[in-house]
Amino acid sequence: MFLSSPLSRRATNLALLVPAALLLSAQSLALTEAEDPQDESAPQAEILQLDQPVEKEDQSPPAEAEAGTPETDKEPLPQAENLQLDQPVEKEEQSPTTEAEAGTPETDKEPLPQAENLQLDQPIEELEEPAPASPDTAQPESPAIQEEAATPESEERQTDAAPAEEQARPLRLLGAEVAPATSTRLAWSPSQHFEGVYSSTAVLVVNGAKPGPTLCLTAAVHGDELNGIETVRRVMYNLDADKLSGAVIGVPIVNLQGFHRGSRYLTDRRDLNRHFPGDPHGSSASRIAYSFFHEIISHCNAVVDLHTGSFYRTNLPQLRGDLSNPKIVKMTKGFGSTVVLHSDGAKGTLRRAAVEAGIPTVTLEAGAPMVLDELSVSHSVKGIRTLLNQLGMLAKFRLWGDPEPVYYNSTWQRATNGGIIFSEVELGEFVRKGDLLGTVTNPITNVRTEIRSEHNGRILGMALNQVVQPGFAAYHIGIQAPQEQISPPEEVTAESEQADAEAAVPAEEEPATDEPADKVQEAETLESDED
């Protein structure tokens, strides 16, 4: 027999021990898993095809079960109406309030909903959207028309009654009635537009506790003119309705389309301030102008339209108005230390259309577009507050500064060559004929051309340093007017102006030019900074 060596016997023993050890480990692991009670209650994960889409409803049932409130305990939700989505809908069906109004014909005696009395200086989360206006209500009646609707019996009773102190009246505007001693925020949206495309514009209203005229402040008719927006905000949010005689209507942003894009123009490239009083059947700009003019401006006894310079020009704070109109002369004298420039306004401007409708209107120009200038804003705010006192709407009076000259004529000095313009004068500076106003340098040839004044006068507006083309209007020089050219002032009152407005505003206006901005640019440049 063969005898095994110690080494071979040791290898045989190891071969027998390894399987035994592995068997004992497997039995021990099985006993441990059997004794663990937590694994028995754990839910088995569902086997999914991860590349398959899942429905949204499958994600939420566990959360609904944990909510503790069964859905059967809640009120049943209304059933959605089954509609033919390709069928057009009537405008009245978009708003429950409009449907209710459609059921009963509106009369002059039917009360409008009362506007809520608000603290205008308190921030709000979102502006409430107005109900769409029906075509029958596109042209609201002015207070003067409502007064004429009174019955003869009521007039006789007022005549026979003993004279009493006149009471402030509610202001009916944009489908709401603003009671005396009320500050509120309404919303205007053009009556003709694609639903959901044109956002509503805030209309701030302060109706005083005492009777008086209605003053309207409008800003950002050109969407890139920011100084007027801040001016209207400061004036409106600091008015006390209990101390105010009459009403103040403030529209901080008229051209919301242009404001959102940082543009002077509407989205169709037209200048809104060349389409007033508008045309309900004209271009988009004409329809917007018509809606704004007849729904807001026609309710006012006087208007201040706020503007800035255009196309990278800046203006000295100044009033522009038709000084042949006595009521406008009276308004200009209420602005304290502010330069006055005679101008009847270009055709289609809000100012000219309002004056032709019997509403005295001035344009307040201050600063440059696309920037906020604190000095221009402060001057404008102070001027409007002084005007409120001049019109008898506020008792507080502040005399500030010496009266500024009145300029009956003005002229633009233009660049004769293209290049980079650098000014040698400042806004408000008095110049004489032959004085150096600025230079234009050709950056390629280094040829420098001087611009010298051709008149004695004052710099009312000027171009910012920039690249200009030949013929660019660079310096606006005011030429002082002889006193005899200016009409004597005349008071602005609520009754007379409403009567004038009623007689002057026809149902439909002649459409203004519908040419887009690039085609009327040359005509506008002749006026340059006019409104």
Protein backbone atom coordinates (compact mmCIF):
# COMPACT_ATOMS: atom_id res chain seq x y z
CA MET A 1 0.00 0.00 0.00
CA PHE A 2 1.05 3.56 -0.68
CA LEU A 3 1.71 5.76 2.29
CA SER A 4 0.43 9.40 2.07
CA SER A 5 2.66 12.26 3.04
CA PRO A 6 1.68 14.83 5.76
CA LEU A 7 1.30 17.56 3.09
CA SER A 8 -1.23 15.57 1.08
CA ARG A 9 -3.19 14.68 4.20
CA ARG A 10 -3.43 18.41 5.13
CA ALA A 11 -4.76 19.34 1.65
CA THR A 12 -7.41 16.60 1.89
CA ASN A 13 -8.61 17.89 5.28
CA LEU A 14 -8.89 21.48 3.91
CA ALA A 15 -10.93 20.26 0.93
CA LEU A 16 -13.40 18.63 3.32
CA LEU A 17 -13.67 21.69 5.63
CA VAL A 18 -14.47 24.37 2.96
CA PRO A 19 -17.83 22.86 1.80
CA ALA A 20 -18.85 22.36 5.43
CA ALA A 21 -18.15 26.03 6.25
CA LEU A 22 -20.12 27.25 3.26
CA LEU A 23 -23.09 25.06 4.25
CA LEU A 24 -23.10 26.44 7.83
CA SER A 25 -23.02 30.10 6.49
CA ALA A 26 -25.99 29.51 4.22
CA GLN A 27 -28.05 27.97 7.05
CA SER A 28 -27.22 30.87 9.37
CA LEU A 29 -28.28 33.48 6.77
CA ALA A 30 -31.58 31.67 6.20
CA LEU A 31 -32.33 31.65 9.96
CA THR A 32 -31.60 35.40 10.22
CA GLU A 33 -33.99 36.32 7.38
CA ALA A 34 -36.74 34.18 8.86
CA GLU A 35 -36.43 35.88 12.28
CA ASP A 36 -36.70 39.50 10.87
CA PRO A 37 -40.35 40.60 11.34
CA GLN A 38 -39.99 43.99 9.48
CA ASP A 39 -39.42 42.38 6.08
CA GLU A 40 -42.77 40.59 6.29
CA SER A 41 -44.79 43.88 6.37
CA ALA A 42 -42.78 45.90 3.77
CA PRO A 43 -44.73 46.37 0.49
CA GLN A 44 -43.35 44.81 -2.61
CA ALA A 45 -42.22 47.39 -5.21
CA GLU A 46 -44.20 47.13 -8.42
CA ILE A 47 -42.32 45.90 -11.42
CA LEU A 48 -42.60 48.61 -14.07
CA GLN A 49 -41.57 49.16 -17.63
CA LEU A 50 -39.61 52.34 -17.05
CA ASP A 51 -39.69 53.35 -20.70
CA GLN A 52 -43.51 53.41 -20.68
CA PRO A 53 -45.30 56.78 -19.97
CA VAL A 54 -47.46 57.00 -16.84
CA GLU A 55 -50.73 58.87 -16.45
CA LYS A 56 -50.84 61.84 -14.09
CA GLU A 57 -53.74 60.38 -12.08
CA ASP A 58 -51.64 57.33 -11.07
CA GLN A 59 -49.28 59.54 -9.04
CA SER A 60 -51.83 61.04 -6.68
CA PRO A 61 -54.15 58.30 -5.18
CA PRO A 62 -51.95 57.68 -2.10
CA ALA A 63 -52.06 61.42 -1.26
CA GLU A 64 -55.87 61.48 -1.60
CA ALA A 65 -56.18 58.52 0.73
CA GLU A 66 -54.05 60.25 3.37
CA ALA A 67 -56.05 63.50 3.17
CA GLY A 68 -58.63 62.09 5.54
CA THR A 69 -61.54 63.89 3.88
CA PRO A 70 -63.35 61.66 1.44
CA GLU A 71 -64.33 63.41 -1.78
CA THR A 72 -67.93 62.26 -1.38
CA ASP A 73 -68.35 64.63 1.62
CA LYS A 74 -67.63 67.69 -0.55
CA GLU A 75 -70.10 69.63 -2.68
CA PRO A 76 -70.35 68.26 -6.22
CA LEU A 77 -68.56 70.41 -8.79
CA PRO A 78 -70.64 71.91 -11.62
CA GLN A 79 -70.61 70.03 -14.88
CA ALA A 80 -68.68 71.77 -17.65
CA GLU A 81 -70.85 72.62 -20.63
CA ASN A 82 -70.28 70.56 -23.75
CA LEU A 83 -69.36 73.06 -26.46
CA GLN A 84 -68.52 73.10 -30.14
CA LEU A 85 -65.10 74.69 -29.81
CA ASP A 86 -64.96 75.72 -33.45
CA GLN A 87 -68.09 77.89 -33.06
CA PRO A 88 -67.62 81.64 -32.33
CA VAL A 89 -68.87 82.92 -28.97
CA GLU A 90 -70.71 86.12 -28.20
CA LYS A 91 -68.75 88.72 -26.22
CA GLU A 92 -71.50 88.81 -23.57
CA GLU A 93 -70.89 85.15 -22.73
CA GLN A 94 -67.39 85.92 -21.44
CA SER A 95 -68.47 87.67 -18.26
CA PRO A 96 -71.36 86.85 -15.88
CA THR A 97 -71.79 90.55 -15.09
CA THR A 98 -72.15 91.36 -18.76
CA GLU A 99 -74.78 88.65 -19.13
CA ALA A 100 -76.72 90.12 -16.23
CA GLU A 101 -76.52 93.56 -17.76
CA ALA A 102 -77.68 92.19 -21.11
CA GLY A 103 -80.87 90.87 -19.53
CA THR A 104 -82.11 94.33 -18.54
CA PRO A 105 -81.62 97.39 -20.73
CA GLU A 106 -79.43 100.02 -19.09
CA THR A 107 -81.09 103.36 -18.38
CA ASP A 108 -79.72 106.63 -17.06
CA LYS A 109 -81.51 106.03 -13.75
CA GLU A 110 -80.10 102.56 -13.24
CA PRO A 111 -77.34 102.80 -10.62
CA LEU A 112 -73.83 101.72 -11.51
CA PRO A 113 -71.84 99.56 -9.08
CA GLN A 114 -70.12 101.64 -6.43
CA ALA A 115 -66.36 101.85 -6.80
CA GLU A 116 -64.48 100.66 -3.74
CA ASN A 117 -62.81 103.34 -1.61
CA LEU A 118 -59.08 102.47 -1.57
CA GLN A 119 -55.83 103.69 -0.16
CA LEU A 120 -54.17 104.34 -3.52
CA ASP A 121 -50.66 104.43 -2.07
CA GLN A 122 -50.99 100.83 -0.84
CA PRO A 123 -49.51 98.21 -3.22
CA ILE A 124 -51.82 95.63 -4.78
CA GLU A 125 -51.13 92.14 -6.09
CA GLU A 126 -52.88 92.43 -9.45
CA LEU A 127 -55.10 94.87 -11.34
CA GLU A 128 -58.66 93.61 -11.75
CA GLU A 129 -59.62 93.13 -15.38
CA PRO A 130 -62.67 95.13 -16.49
CA ALA A 131 -65.65 93.44 -18.09
CA PRO A 132 -65.52 93.78 -21.91
CA ALA A 133 -67.48 96.80 -23.07
CA SER A 134 -70.31 96.24 -25.49
CA PRO A 135 -70.55 98.35 -28.64
CA ASP A 136 -73.56 100.18 -27.21
CA THR A 137 -71.47 101.46 -24.30
CA ALA A 138 -68.34 102.40 -26.26
CA GLN A 139 -69.12 106.10 -25.89
CA PRO A 140 -70.14 106.81 -22.29
CA GLU A 141 -72.27 109.78 -21.50
CA SER A 142 -70.57 112.73 -19.88
CA PRO A 143 -71.90 114.37 -16.72
CA ALA A 144 -73.22 117.23 -18.84
CA ILE A 145 -75.37 114.85 -20.88
CA GLN A 146 -76.65 113.24 -17.70
CA GLU A 147 -77.62 116.64 -16.35
CA GLU A 148 -79.65 117.37 -19.49
CA ALA A 149 -81.48 114.07 -19.02
CA ALA A 150 -83.06 115.41 -15.81
CA THR A 151 -86.83 115.93 -15.98
CA PRO A 152 -88.36 119.42 -16.14
CA GLU A 153 -90.10 118.75 -12.84
CA SER A 154 -86.78 118.22 -11.07
CA GLU A 155 -85.43 121.45 -12.57
CA GLU A 156 -88.50 123.35 -11.33
CA ARG A 157 -88.06 121.91 -7.85
CA GLN A 158 -84.42 123.00 -7.81
CA THR A 159 -85.41 126.51 -8.89
CA ASP A 160 -88.13 126.85 -6.27
CA ALA A 161 -86.00 125.44 -3.46
CA ALA A 162 -83.97 127.71 -1.25
CA PRO A 163 -80.34 128.05 -2.38
CA ALA A 164 -78.24 125.47 -0.59
CA GLU A 165 -74.58 124.62 -0.58
CA GLU A 166 -73.67 122.69 -3.70
CA GLN A 167 -72.91 119.06 -3.01
CA ALA A 168 -70.27 116.96 -4.71
CA ARG A 169 -71.65 114.45 -7.19
CA PRO A 170 -70.65 110.88 -7.92
CA LEU A 171 -68.36 110.44 -10.92
CA ARG A 172 -69.57 107.85 -13.43
CA LEU A 173 -66.61 106.35 -15.23
CA LEU A 174 -65.75 103.02 -16.87
CA GLY A 175 -68.91 101.29 -15.72
CA ALA A 176 -68.55 102.34 -12.07
CA GLU A 177 -69.84 105.14 -9.89
CA VAL A 178 -67.19 106.82 -7.76
CA ALA A 179 -68.85 108.44 -4.75
CA PRO A 180 -67.64 111.77 -3.32
CA ALA A 181 -64.69 111.54 -0.90
CA THR A 182 -63.56 108.32 -2.59
CA SER A 183 -60.21 107.20 -3.97
CA THR A 184 -60.26 104.12 -6.18
CA ARG A 185 -58.51 102.25 -8.93
CA LEU A 186 -60.38 101.35 -12.11
CA ALA A 187 -59.17 99.68 -15.31
CA TRP A 188 -59.51 100.65 -18.95
CA SER A 189 -59.03 98.35 -21.91
CA PRO A 190 -59.78 99.24 -25.54
CA SER A 191 -63.28 98.11 -26.44
CA GLN A 192 -62.06 96.59 -29.73
CA HIS A 193 -59.11 94.23 -29.45
CA PHE A 194 -58.22 90.56 -29.50
CA GLU A 195 -59.43 89.12 -26.21
CA GLY A 196 -56.57 88.32 -23.86
CA VAL A 197 -53.92 90.13 -25.93
CA TYR A 198 -54.26 93.70 -24.70
CA SER A 199 -53.87 94.07 -20.92
CA SER A 200 -55.92 96.53 -18.92
CA THR A 201 -54.49 99.94 -18.04
CA ALA A 202 -54.86 101.27 -14.51
CA VAL A 203 -57.02 104.38 -14.11
CA LEU A 204 -56.58 106.10 -10.74
CA VAL A 205 -59.53 108.20 -9.57
CA VAL A 206 -59.82 110.56 -6.61
CA ASN A 207 -63.30 112.13 -6.33
CA GLY A 208 -63.22 114.92 -3.77
CA ALA A 209 -65.69 115.60 -0.98
CA LYS A 210 -66.49 119.03 -2.46
CA PRO A 211 -67.71 119.97 -5.94
CA GLY A 212 -65.27 121.23 -8.55
CA PRO A 213 -63.82 120.55 -12.01
CA THR A 214 -62.45 117.21 -13.20
CA LEU A 215 -58.76 117.24 -14.12
CA CYS A 216 -57.26 114.38 -16.12
CA LEU A 217 -53.54 113.49 -16.07
CA THR A 218 -52.28 111.24 -18.86
CA ALA A 219 -48.78 109.81 -19.28
CA ALA A 220 -46.90 107.37 -21.53
CA VAL A 221 -49.02 107.97 -24.62
CA HIS A 222 -45.59 107.23 -26.02
CA GLY A 223 -44.53 104.02 -24.31
CA ASP A 224 -40.85 104.97 -23.79
CA GLU A 225 -41.54 108.20 -21.86
CA LEU A 226 -41.09 107.35 -18.20
CA ASN A 227 -41.01 110.68 -16.35
CA GLY A 228 -44.75 111.20 -16.76
CA ILE A 229 -45.50 107.77 -15.26
CA GLU A 230 -43.69 108.63 -12.03
CA THR A 231 -45.22 112.12 -11.99
CA VAL A 232 -48.78 110.77 -12.14
CA ARG A 233 -47.97 108.20 -9.46
CA ARG A 234 -46.64 110.81 -7.03
CA VAL A 235 -49.52 113.22 -7.60
CA MET A 236 -52.33 110.66 -7.38
CA TYR A 237 -51.00 108.75 -4.39
CA ASN A 238 -50.67 111.94 -2.35
CA LEU A 239 -54.16 113.35 -2.90
CA ASP A 240 -56.61 113.41 0.01
CA ALA A 241 -60.17 112.94 -1.23
CA ASP A 242 -61.60 114.63 1.89
CA LYS A 243 -59.70 117.85 1.11
CA LEU A 244 -60.17 117.85 -2.67
CA SER A 245 -62.74 119.91 -4.58
CA GLY A 246 -63.66 118.16 -7.81
CA ALA A 247 -62.02 115.03 -9.17
CA VAL A 248 -58.62 114.00 -10.52
CA ILE A 249 -58.31 111.12 -13.00
CA GLY A 250 -54.79 109.77 -13.52
CA VAL A 251 -53.75 107.33 -16.26
CA PRO A 252 -50.06 106.54 -15.67
CA ILE A 253 -49.57 104.36 -18.78
CA VAL A 254 -51.87 104.98 -21.75
CA ASN A 255 -49.79 103.09 -24.34
CA LEU A 256 -49.25 99.83 -22.48
CA GLN A 257 -48.22 98.05 -25.69
CA GLY A 258 -45.31 100.41 -26.25
CA PHE A 259 -44.39 100.48 -22.56
CA HIS A 260 -43.97 96.71 -22.41
CA ARG A 261 -41.60 96.84 -25.40
CA GLY A 262 -39.79 100.03 -24.40
CA SER A 263 -41.04 101.62 -27.63
CA ARG A 264 -42.56 104.97 -28.49
CA TYR A 265 -45.07 103.28 -30.80
CA LEU A 266 -47.83 100.71 -30.70
CA THR A 267 -47.19 97.17 -31.85
CA ASP A 268 -48.39 98.08 -35.37
CA ARG A 269 -45.60 100.72 -35.56
CA ARG A 270 -48.07 103.60 -35.40
CA ASP A 271 -47.84 106.64 -33.15
CA LEU A 272 -50.91 106.65 -30.88
CA ASN A 273 -50.53 110.42 -30.45
CA ARG A 274 -51.28 110.99 -34.12
CA HIS A 275 -54.67 109.21 -34.14
CA PHE A 276 -56.89 111.12 -31.68
CA PRO A 277 -59.84 111.43 -31.33
CA GLY A 278 -59.83 108.12 -33.14
CA ASP A 279 -62.14 106.13 -35.36
CA PRO A 280 -64.07 103.03 -34.22
CA HIS A 281 -63.76 101.56 -37.72
CA GLY A 282 -60.17 102.59 -38.50
CA SER A 283 -56.77 101.08 -37.81
CA SER A 284 -55.83 99.49 -34.50
CA ALA A 285 -54.28 102.78 -33.35
CA SER A 286 -57.42 104.71 -34.32
CA ARG A 287 -59.65 102.29 -32.42
CA ILE A 288 -57.51 102.46 -29.30
CA ALA A 289 -57.48 106.27 -29.51
CA TYR A 290 -61.26 106.36 -29.99
CA SER A 291 -61.86 104.11 -26.99
CA PHE A 292 -59.58 106.10 -24.69
CA PHE A 293 -60.87 109.49 -25.83
CA HIS A 294 -64.56 108.70 -25.47
CA GLU A 295 -64.37 106.54 -22.35
CA ILE A 296 -62.05 108.76 -20.30
CA ILE A 297 -61.10 112.13 -21.83
CA SER A 298 -64.71 113.12 -22.57
CA HIS A 299 -65.40 113.06 -18.81
CA CYS A 300 -62.79 115.74 -18.04
CA ASN A 301 -62.95 119.53 -17.76
CA ALA A 302 -59.20 119.96 -18.29
CA VAL A 303 -56.32 117.67 -19.32
CA VAL A 304 -52.57 117.68 -18.69
CA ASP A 305 -50.79 115.31 -21.10
CA LEU A 306 -47.26 114.47 -19.91
CA HIS A 307 -44.42 113.82 -22.35
CA THR A 308 -40.64 113.85 -22.70
CA GLY A 309 -38.29 114.49 -25.59
CA SER A 310 -38.14 111.95 -28.41
CA PHE A 311 -35.37 110.11 -30.23
CA TYR A 312 -32.62 110.76 -27.67
CA ARG A 313 -33.51 114.38 -27.08
CA THR A 314 -34.20 116.02 -23.73
CA ASN A 315 -36.54 118.91 -22.93
CA LEU A 316 -36.45 121.69 -20.36
CA PRO A 317 -39.66 121.37 -18.27
CA GLN A 318 -42.15 123.33 -20.35
CA LEU A 319 -45.83 123.70 -21.10
CA ARG A 320 -47.16 123.64 -24.63
CA GLY A 321 -50.57 124.99 -25.39
CA ASP A 322 -52.65 127.15 -27.72
CA LEU A 323 -52.22 130.58 -26.15
CA SER A 324 -55.02 131.99 -28.27
CA ASN A 325 -57.42 130.02 -26.05
CA PRO A 326 -58.16 132.00 -22.84
CA LYS A 327 -58.85 128.89 -20.74
CA ILE A 328 -55.51 127.39 -21.74
CA VAL A 329 -53.77 130.65 -20.83
CA LYS A 330 -55.38 130.34 -17.40
CA MET A 331 -54.04 126.79 -17.05
CA THR A 332 -50.49 127.80 -18.02
CA LYS A 333 -50.46 130.49 -15.34
CA GLY A 334 -51.18 127.80 -12.75
CA PHE A 335 -47.90 125.92 -13.24
CA GLY A 336 -45.63 128.29 -11.34
CA SER A 337 -42.08 128.67 -12.59
CA THR A 338 -42.47 126.72 -15.85
CA VAL A 339 -41.57 127.82 -19.38
CA VAL A 340 -44.58 128.19 -21.70
CA LEU A 341 -44.39 127.61 -25.45
CA HIS A 342 -47.23 128.47 -27.78
CA SER A 343 -48.27 125.58 -30.01
CA ASP A 344 -51.68 124.44 -31.19
CA GLY A 345 -50.42 120.87 -31.56
CA ALA A 346 -50.07 118.56 -34.54
CA LYS A 347 -53.18 117.02 -36.05
CA GLY A 348 -54.09 113.78 -34.30
CA THR A 349 -52.47 114.64 -30.96
CA LEU A 350 -54.49 114.12 -27.81
CA ARG A 351 -54.01 117.79 -26.90
CA ARG A 352 -55.36 119.15 -30.15
CA ALA A 353 -58.28 116.71 -30.29
CA ALA A 354 -59.31 117.56 -26.73
CA VAL A 355 -59.14 121.32 -27.38
CA GLU A 356 -61.23 120.90 -30.52
CA ALA A 357 -63.74 119.03 -28.34
CA GLY A 358 -63.93 122.00 -25.96
CA ILE A 359 -61.65 120.60 -23.24
CA PRO A 360 -58.70 122.93 -22.41
CA THR A 361 -55.52 120.84 -22.58
CA VAL A 362 -51.81 121.46 -22.19
CA THR A 363 -48.78 119.26 -22.76
CA LEU A 364 -46.15 119.14 -20.03
CA GLU A 365 -42.77 118.20 -21.51
CA ALA A 366 -39.87 117.29 -19.21
CA GLY A 367 -36.68 115.28 -19.67
CA ALA A 368 -35.68 112.54 -22.09
CA PRO A 369 -37.17 109.15 -23.06
CA MET A 370 -36.18 105.82 -21.47
CA VAL A 371 -34.69 107.46 -18.36
CA LEU A 372 -36.10 108.72 -15.06
CA ASP A 373 -34.91 112.23 -14.25
CA GLU A 374 -35.57 113.27 -10.65
CA LEU A 375 -35.34 117.00 -11.39
CA SER A 376 -37.86 116.75 -14.23
CA VAL A 377 -40.25 114.62 -12.17
CA SER A 378 -40.05 116.91 -9.13
CA HIS A 379 -40.65 119.99 -11.26
CA SER A 380 -43.66 118.35 -12.94
CA VAL A 381 -45.19 117.24 -9.64
CA LYS A 382 -44.78 120.69 -8.14
CA GLY A 383 -46.32 122.30 -11.24
CA ILE A 384 -49.40 120.05 -11.20
CA ARG A 385 -49.97 120.65 -7.49
CA THR A 386 -49.79 124.39 -8.13
CA LEU A 387 -52.31 123.97 -10.97
CA LEU A 388 -54.70 122.15 -8.61
CA ASN A 389 -54.61 125.21 -6.39
CA GLN A 390 -55.05 127.56 -9.36
CA LEU A 391 -58.19 125.64 -10.38
CA GLY A 392 -59.57 125.88 -6.83
CA MET A 393 -59.29 122.14 -6.24
CA LEU A 394 -56.79 122.33 -3.36
CA ALA A 395 -56.64 125.00 -0.69
CA LYS A 396 -52.95 124.67 -0.01
CA PHE A 397 -50.92 127.17 -1.99
CA ARG A 398 -47.21 127.38 -2.57
CA LEU A 399 -45.69 130.17 -4.62
CA TRP A 400 -42.45 128.83 -6.08
CA GLY A 401 -40.02 130.59 -8.34
CA ASP A 402 -40.46 133.61 -10.59
CA PRO A 403 -42.75 133.36 -13.62
CA GLU A 404 -40.89 132.09 -16.67
CA PRO A 405 -41.06 133.81 -20.06
CA VAL A 406 -43.66 132.82 -22.63
CA TYR A 407 -42.28 131.79 -26.02
CA TYR A 408 -44.73 132.35 -28.82
CA ASN A 409 -42.34 131.12 -31.50
CA SER A 410 -39.61 128.50 -31.61
CA THR A 411 -37.23 127.01 -34.14
CA TRP A 412 -35.01 123.96 -34.51
CA GLN A 413 -31.32 124.20 -35.37
CA ARG A 414 -30.32 121.14 -37.39
CA ALA A 415 -27.09 119.29 -38.05
CA THR A 416 -25.81 120.04 -41.56
CA ASN A 417 -23.58 116.94 -41.67
CA GLY A 418 -23.66 113.48 -40.14
CA GLY A 419 -21.34 112.40 -37.36
CA ILE A 420 -20.97 112.52 -33.56
CA ILE A 421 -22.57 115.56 -31.94
CA PHE A 422 -21.10 117.20 -28.83
CA SER A 423 -23.01 120.09 -27.26
CA GLU A 424 -21.46 123.28 -25.94
CA VAL A 425 -24.68 124.60 -24.33
CA GLU A 426 -27.06 123.33 -21.65
CA LEU A 427 -30.82 123.16 -21.28
CA GLY A 428 -32.34 126.49 -20.28
CA GLU A 429 -29.33 128.50 -21.40
CA PHE A 430 -29.96 131.84 -23.12
CA VAL A 431 -28.15 132.20 -26.45
CA ARG A 432 -27.60 134.97 -28.93
CA LYS A 433 -27.32 134.84 -32.69
CA GLY A 434 -23.94 133.42 -33.68
CA ASP A 435 -23.28 131.57 -30.41
CA LEU A 436 -21.73 128.10 -30.72
CA LEU A 437 -24.31 125.44 -29.83
CA GLY A 438 -22.30 122.30 -30.60
CA THR A 439 -20.12 120.46 -33.07
CA VAL A 440 -20.59 117.42 -35.30
CA THR A 441 -17.45 115.39 -36.03
CA ASN A 442 -17.11 112.80 -38.78
CA PRO A 443 -15.38 109.82 -37.08
CA ILE A 444 -13.85 108.66 -40.38
CA THR A 445 -12.48 111.88 -41.85
CA ASN A 446 -12.20 113.83 -38.58
CA VAL A 447 -13.93 116.79 -40.26
CA ARG A 448 -15.67 118.93 -37.63
CA THR A 449 -18.72 121.12 -38.38
CA GLU A 450 -20.04 123.80 -36.03
CA ILE A 451 -23.72 124.44 -35.27
CA ARG A 452 -24.26 128.12 -34.44
CA SER A 453 -27.45 129.80 -33.29
CA GLU A 454 -29.39 131.73 -35.90
CA HIS A 455 -31.62 133.44 -33.32
CA ASN A 456 -31.67 135.14 -29.94
CA GLY A 457 -33.54 132.91 -27.53
CA ARG A 458 -33.36 130.07 -25.03
CA ILE A 459 -32.50 126.37 -25.33
CA LEU A 460 -35.82 124.58 -24.65
CA GLY A 461 -34.74 121.19 -25.97
CA MET A 462 -31.59 119.57 -27.31
CA ALA A 463 -30.15 116.33 -28.58
CA LEU A 464 -28.11 114.17 -26.27
CA ASN A 465 -24.54 113.50 -27.41
CA GLN A 466 -24.94 110.78 -30.04
CA VAL A 467 -24.47 109.85 -33.69
CA VAL A 468 -26.70 112.01 -35.90
CA GLN A 469 -27.64 112.10 -39.56
CA PRO A 470 -27.63 115.23 -41.73
CA GLY A 471 -30.75 117.29 -40.99
CA PHE A 472 -31.18 115.90 -37.44
CA ALA A 473 -33.05 118.42 -35.21
CA ALA A 474 -30.43 119.17 -32.56
CA TYR A 475 -31.38 122.36 -30.66
CA HIS A 476 -34.86 123.74 -29.96
CA ILE A 477 -34.67 127.52 -29.43
CA GLY A 478 -37.59 129.44 -27.95
CA ILE A 479 -38.20 132.99 -29.12
CA GLN A 480 -39.95 135.20 -26.57
CA ALA A 481 -43.41 136.46 -27.47
CA PRO A 482 -44.69 140.01 -27.37
CA GLN A 483 -47.28 140.32 -24.57
CA GLU A 484 -50.00 141.52 -26.97
CA GLN A 485 -49.96 138.16 -28.78
CA ILE A 486 -51.16 136.30 -25.68
CA SER A 487 -54.90 136.06 -24.94
CA PRO A 488 -56.13 137.18 -21.50
CA PRO A 489 -56.76 134.25 -19.12
CA GLU A 490 -60.24 132.84 -18.47
CA GLU A 491 -61.44 130.56 -15.68
CA VAL A 492 -61.78 126.81 -16.20
CA THR A 493 -65.09 125.58 -14.75
CA ALA A 494 -66.88 122.26 -14.72
CA GLU A 495 -70.21 123.40 -16.19
CA SER A 496 -69.04 125.43 -19.16
CA GLU A 497 -66.44 122.91 -20.30
CA GLN A 498 -68.81 119.96 -20.15
CA ALA A 499 -71.27 121.88 -22.31
CA ASP A 500 -68.52 122.72 -24.79
CA ALA A 501 -67.35 119.10 -24.86
CA GLU A 502 -70.85 117.83 -25.54
CA ALA A 503 -71.32 120.20 -28.45
CA ALA A 504 -67.89 119.55 -29.94
CA VAL A 505 -67.52 115.75 -29.73
CA PRO A 506 -69.37 114.09 -32.61
CA ALA A 507 -70.40 110.45 -32.61
CA GLU A 508 -67.75 109.47 -35.13
CA GLU A 509 -64.59 111.34 -35.98
CA GLU A 510 -62.73 111.68 -39.22
CA PRO A 511 -59.93 109.10 -39.18
CA ALA A 512 -56.42 110.37 -38.70
CA THR A 513 -53.56 109.17 -40.84
CA ASP A 514 -53.14 105.42 -40.73
CA GLU A 515 -49.64 105.41 -42.14
CA PRO A 516 -47.18 103.39 -40.05
CA ALA A 517 -44.51 105.17 -38.07
CA ASP A 518 -41.71 104.72 -40.55
CA LYS A 519 -43.73 106.46 -43.28
CA VAL A 520 -44.75 109.43 -41.14
CA GLN A 521 -41.33 109.76 -39.50
CA GLU A 522 -40.28 112.58 -41.82
CA ALA A 523 -43.42 114.58 -41.06
CA GLU A 524 -42.93 114.04 -37.33
CA THR A 525 -39.33 115.17 -37.46
CA LEU A 526 -40.46 118.53 -38.82
CA GLU A 527 -42.25 118.95 -35.51
CA SER A 528 -39.46 116.91 -33.86
CA ASP A 529 -40.40 116.96 -30.19
CA GLU A 530 -44.00 118.07 -30.62
CA ASP A 531 -45.91 115.98 -28.08
